[in-house]
C-alpha atoms as a PDB file:
ATOM      1  CA  MET A   1     -20.896 -31.484  19.635  1.00  0.00           C
ATOM      2  CA  ALA A   2     -17.795 -32.641  21.432  1.00  0.00           C
ATOM      3  CA  LEU A   3     -18.330 -29.959  24.048  1.00  0.00           C
ATOM      4  CA  ASP A   4     -21.825 -31.204  24.803  1.00  0.00           C
ATOM      5  CA  ALA A   5     -20.585 -34.785  25.014  1.00  0.00           C
ATOM      6  CA  LEU A   6     -17.784 -33.725  27.359  1.00  0.00           C
ATOM      7  CA  ARG A   7     -20.253 -31.766  29.471  1.00  0.00           C
ATOM      8  CA  GLY A   8     -22.513 -34.823  29.681  1.00  0.00           C
ATOM      9  CA  LEU A   9     -19.612 -37.005  30.714  1.00  0.00           C
ATOM     10  CA  ILE A  10     -18.522 -34.493  33.323  1.00  0.00           C
ATOM     11  CA  MET A  11     -22.009 -34.210  34.786  1.00  0.00           C
ATOM     12  CA  ASP A  12     -22.570 -37.984  34.833  1.00  0.00           C
ATOM     13  CA  ALA A  13     -19.123 -38.938  36.094  1.00  0.00           C
ATOM     14  CA  VAL A  14     -18.276 -39.597  39.669  1.00  0.00           C
ATOM     15  CA  PHE A  15     -14.960 -38.035  40.476  1.00  0.00           C
ATOM     16  CA  LEU A  16     -12.718 -39.376  43.077  1.00  0.00           C
ATOM     17  CA  ASP A  17     -10.269 -36.559  42.472  1.00  0.00           C
ATOM     18  CA  GLU A  18     -11.416 -32.951  43.001  1.00  0.00           C
ATOM     19  CA  GLU A  19      -8.443 -31.648  40.997  1.00  0.00           C
ATOM     20  CA  ALA A  20      -9.459 -33.652  37.908  1.00  0.00           C
ATOM     21  CA  TYR A  21     -12.999 -32.236  38.149  1.00  0.00           C
ATOM     22  CA  THR A  22     -11.698 -28.682  38.501  1.00  0.00           C
ATOM     23  CA  ASN A  23      -9.371 -29.160  35.511  1.00  0.00           C
ATOM     24  CA  SER A  24     -12.225 -30.568  33.412  1.00  0.00           C
ATOM     25  CA  ALA A  25     -14.523 -27.678  34.326  1.00  0.00           C
ATOM     26  CA  THR A  26     -11.769 -25.196  33.511  1.00  0.00           C
ATOM     27  CA  LEU A  27     -11.128 -26.931  30.181  1.00  0.00           C
ATOM     28  CA  GLN A  28     -14.845 -26.783  29.382  1.00  0.00           C
ATOM     29  CA  LEU A  29     -14.905 -23.045  30.166  1.00  0.00           C
ATOM     30  CA  TYR A  30     -11.883 -22.443  27.921  1.00  0.00           C
ATOM     31  CA  GLN A  31     -13.512 -24.403  25.099  1.00  0.00           C
ATOM     32  CA  GLN A  32     -16.690 -22.341  25.397  1.00  0.00           C
ATOM     33  CA  ARG A  33     -14.664 -19.146  25.270  1.00  0.00           C
ATOM     34  CA  LEU A  34     -12.677 -20.441  22.293  1.00  0.00           C
ATOM     35  CA  GLN A  35     -15.849 -21.267  20.381  1.00  0.00           C
ATOM     36  CA  ALA A  36     -17.307 -17.852  21.163  1.00  0.00           C
ATOM     37  CA  GLN A  37     -14.115 -16.191  19.941  1.00  0.00           C
ATOM     38  CA  GLN A  38     -14.112 -18.295  16.778  1.00  0.00           C
ATOM     39  CA  ARG A  39     -17.721 -17.250  16.070  1.00  0.00           C
ATOM     40  CA  ARG A  40     -16.725 -13.630  16.634  1.00  0.00           C
ATOM     41  CA  ILE A  41     -13.769 -14.029  14.255  1.00  0.00           C
ATOM     42  CA  LEU A  42     -16.076 -15.406  11.555  1.00  0.00           C
ATOM     43  CA  GLN A  43     -18.490 -12.535  12.138  1.00  0.00           C
ATOM     44  CA  LEU A  44     -15.684  -9.974  11.873  1.00  0.00           C
ATOM     45  CA  GLU A  45     -14.323 -11.633   8.736  1.00  0.00           C
ATOM     46  CA  GLY A  46     -17.785 -11.316   7.197  1.00  0.00           C
ATOM     47  CA  GLU A  47     -17.915  -7.644   8.123  1.00  0.00           C
ATOM     48  CA  VAL A  48     -14.449  -7.080   6.662  1.00  0.00           C
ATOM     49  CA  GLU A  49     -15.499  -8.748   3.407  1.00  0.00           C
ATOM     50  CA  ALA A  50     -18.656  -6.618   3.229  1.00  0.00           C
ATOM     51  CA  LEU A  51     -16.604  -3.469   3.831  1.00  0.00           C
ATOM     52  CA  ARG A  52     -14.088  -4.529   1.179  1.00  0.00           C
ATOM     53  CA  VAL A  53     -16.884  -5.019  -1.351  1.00  0.00           C
ATOM     54  CA  GLU A  54     -18.434  -1.652  -0.448  1.00  0.00           C
ATOM     55  CA  SER A  55     -15.042   0.006  -0.717  1.00  0.00           C
ATOM     56  CA  GLY A  56     -14.607  -1.472  -4.183  1.00  0.00           C
ATOM     57  CA  ARG A  57     -18.014  -0.152  -5.231  1.00  0.00           C
ATOM     58  CA  GLN A  58     -17.200   3.287  -3.909  1.00  0.00           C
ATOM     59  CA  ALA A  59     -13.818   3.284  -5.657  1.00  0.00           C
ATOM     60  CA  GLU A  60     -15.536   2.386  -8.926  1.00  0.00           C
ATOM     61  CA  ALA A  61     -18.127   5.120  -8.412  1.00  0.00           C
ATOM     62  CA  LEU A  62     -15.331   7.595  -7.697  1.00  0.00           C
ATOM     63  CA  GLN A  63     -13.542   6.619 -10.916  1.00  0.00           C
ATOM     64  CA  GLN A  64     -16.754   7.106 -12.867  1.00  0.00           C
ATOM     65  CA  GLN A  65     -17.318  10.484 -11.238  1.00  0.00           C
ATOM     66  CA  ARG A  66     -13.773  11.555 -12.068  1.00  0.00           C
ATOM     67  CA  ALA A  67     -14.223  10.448 -15.684  1.00  0.00           C
ATOM     68  CA  GLN A  68     -17.467  12.424 -15.913  1.00  0.00           C
ATOM     69  CA  THR A  69     -15.746  15.445 -14.403  1.00  0.00           C
ATOM     70  CA  ARG A  70     -12.901  15.221 -16.932  1.00  0.00           C
ATOM     71  CA  ALA A  71     -15.411  14.904 -19.780  1.00  0.00           C
ATOM     72  CA  ALA A  72     -17.371  17.906 -18.506  1.00  0.00           C
ATOM     73  CA  GLU A  73     -14.179  19.954 -18.196  1.00  0.00           C
ATOM     74  CA  ALA A  74     -13.163  19.012 -21.729  1.00  0.00           C
ATOM     75  CA  ARG A  75     -16.605  19.987 -23.015  1.00  0.00           C
ATOM     76  CA  MET A  76     -16.397  23.264 -21.111  1.00  0.00           C
ATOM     77  CA  GLN A  77     -13.021  24.003 -22.732  1.00  0.00           C
ATOM     78  CA  GLU A  78     -14.468  23.207 -26.167  1.00  0.00           C
ATOM     79  CA  LEU A  79     -17.385  25.556 -25.567  1.00  0.00           C
ATOM     80  CA  GLN A  80     -15.071  28.274 -24.261  1.00  0.00           C
ATOM     81  CA  GLN A  81     -12.883  27.931 -27.346  1.00  0.00           C
ATOM     82  CA  GLU A  82     -15.965  28.091 -29.570  1.00  0.00           C
ATOM     83  CA  LEU A  83     -17.143  31.198 -27.733  1.00  0.00           C
ATOM     84  CA  ASP A  84     -13.713  32.815 -28.104  1.00  0.00           C
ATOM     85  CA  ASN A  85     -13.690  31.970 -31.816  1.00  0.00           C
ATOM     86  CA  ASN A  86     -17.174  33.432 -32.247  1.00  0.00           C
ATOM     87  CA  ALA A  87     -16.055  36.602 -30.471  1.00  0.00           C
ATOM     88  CA  VAL A  88     -13.117  36.939 -32.862  1.00  0.00           C
ATOM     89  CA  VAL A  89     -15.376  36.383 -35.881  1.00  0.00           C
ATOM     90  CA  PHE A  90     -17.903  38.891 -34.528  1.00  0.00           C
ATOM     91  CA  ASP A  91     -15.136  41.438 -33.980  1.00  0.00           C
ATOM     92  CA  MET A  92     -13.871  40.897 -37.532  1.00  0.00           C
ATOM     93  CA  HIS A  93     -17.378  41.360 -38.975  1.00  0.00           C
ATOM     94  CA  TYR A  94     -17.952  44.430 -36.811  1.00  0.00           C
ATOM     95  CA  ASN A  95     -14.697  46.004 -38.018  1.00  0.00           C
ATOM     96  CA  GLU A  96     -15.585  45.081 -41.589  1.00  0.00           C
ATOM     97  CA  LEU A  97     -18.960  46.803 -41.192  1.00  0.00           C
ATOM     98  CA  LEU A  98     -17.277  49.897 -39.787  1.00  0.00           C
ATOM     99  CA  LEU A  99     -14.918  49.983 -42.782  1.00  0.00           C
ATOM    100  CA  LYS A 100     -17.841  49.512 -45.179  1.00  0.00           C
ATOM    101  CA  GLY A 101     -19.710  52.317 -43.392  1.00  0.00           C
ATOM    102  CA  GLU A 102     -16.686  54.614 -43.735  1.00  0.00           C
ATOM    103  CA  GLU A 103     -16.343  53.658 -47.406  1.00  0.00           C
ATOM    104  CA  ILE A 104     -20.040  54.353 -48.003  1.00  0.00           C
ATOM    105  CA  GLU A 105     -19.679  57.773 -46.348  1.00  0.00           C
ATOM    106  CA  ARG A 106     -16.655  58.538 -48.563  1.00  0.00           C
ATOM    107  CA  LEU A 107     -18.529  57.453 -51.654  1.00  0.00           C
ATOM    108  CA  LYS A 108     -21.492  59.619 -50.636  1.00  0.00           C
ATOM    109  CA  SER A 109     -19.105  62.547 -50.261  1.00  0.00           C
ATOM    110  CA  VAL A 110     -17.626  61.813 -53.691  1.00  0.00           C
ATOM    111  CA  ILE A 111     -21.092  61.501 -55.234  1.00  0.00           C
ATOM    112  CA  GLU A 112     -22.273  64.723 -53.606  1.00  0.00           C
ATOM    113  CA  GLY A 113     -19.076  66.416 -54.733  1.00  0.00           C
ATOM    114  CA  MET A 114     -19.598  65.214 -58.282  1.00  0.00           C
ATOM    115  CA  GLY A 115     -23.249  66.160 -58.217  1.00  0.00           C
ATOM    116  CA  GLY A 116     -22.448  69.679 -57.033  1.00  0.00           C
ATOM    117  CA  THR A 117     -19.774  70.217 -59.659  1.00  0.00           C
ATOM    118  CA  GLY A 118     -21.632  68.611 -62.517  1.00  0.00           C
END
């Protein structure tokens, strides 16, 4: 607003001094540049704020992803432990069956031996 008023005064004024006119024109140019730079600063501040917000969202998403990864790793360890435990139980049952099979074979031998002698 003030710039437009100053411009109007400069255009309507009759200058007796060329130096005063040159100084006024230079001042007007500097004010235009200053306003343009202030608009650019506001624009950049807006961009910085948008980037800060986006960065915050990405940081939150990264935290969530890390939490999900930790949970998945914990679940994987649980399943691995369960699998290991099942393998041990299977091995124990397998060995037990082998022992029972050997015992059955011994008993068959005893029975056959008793049947042959009796």
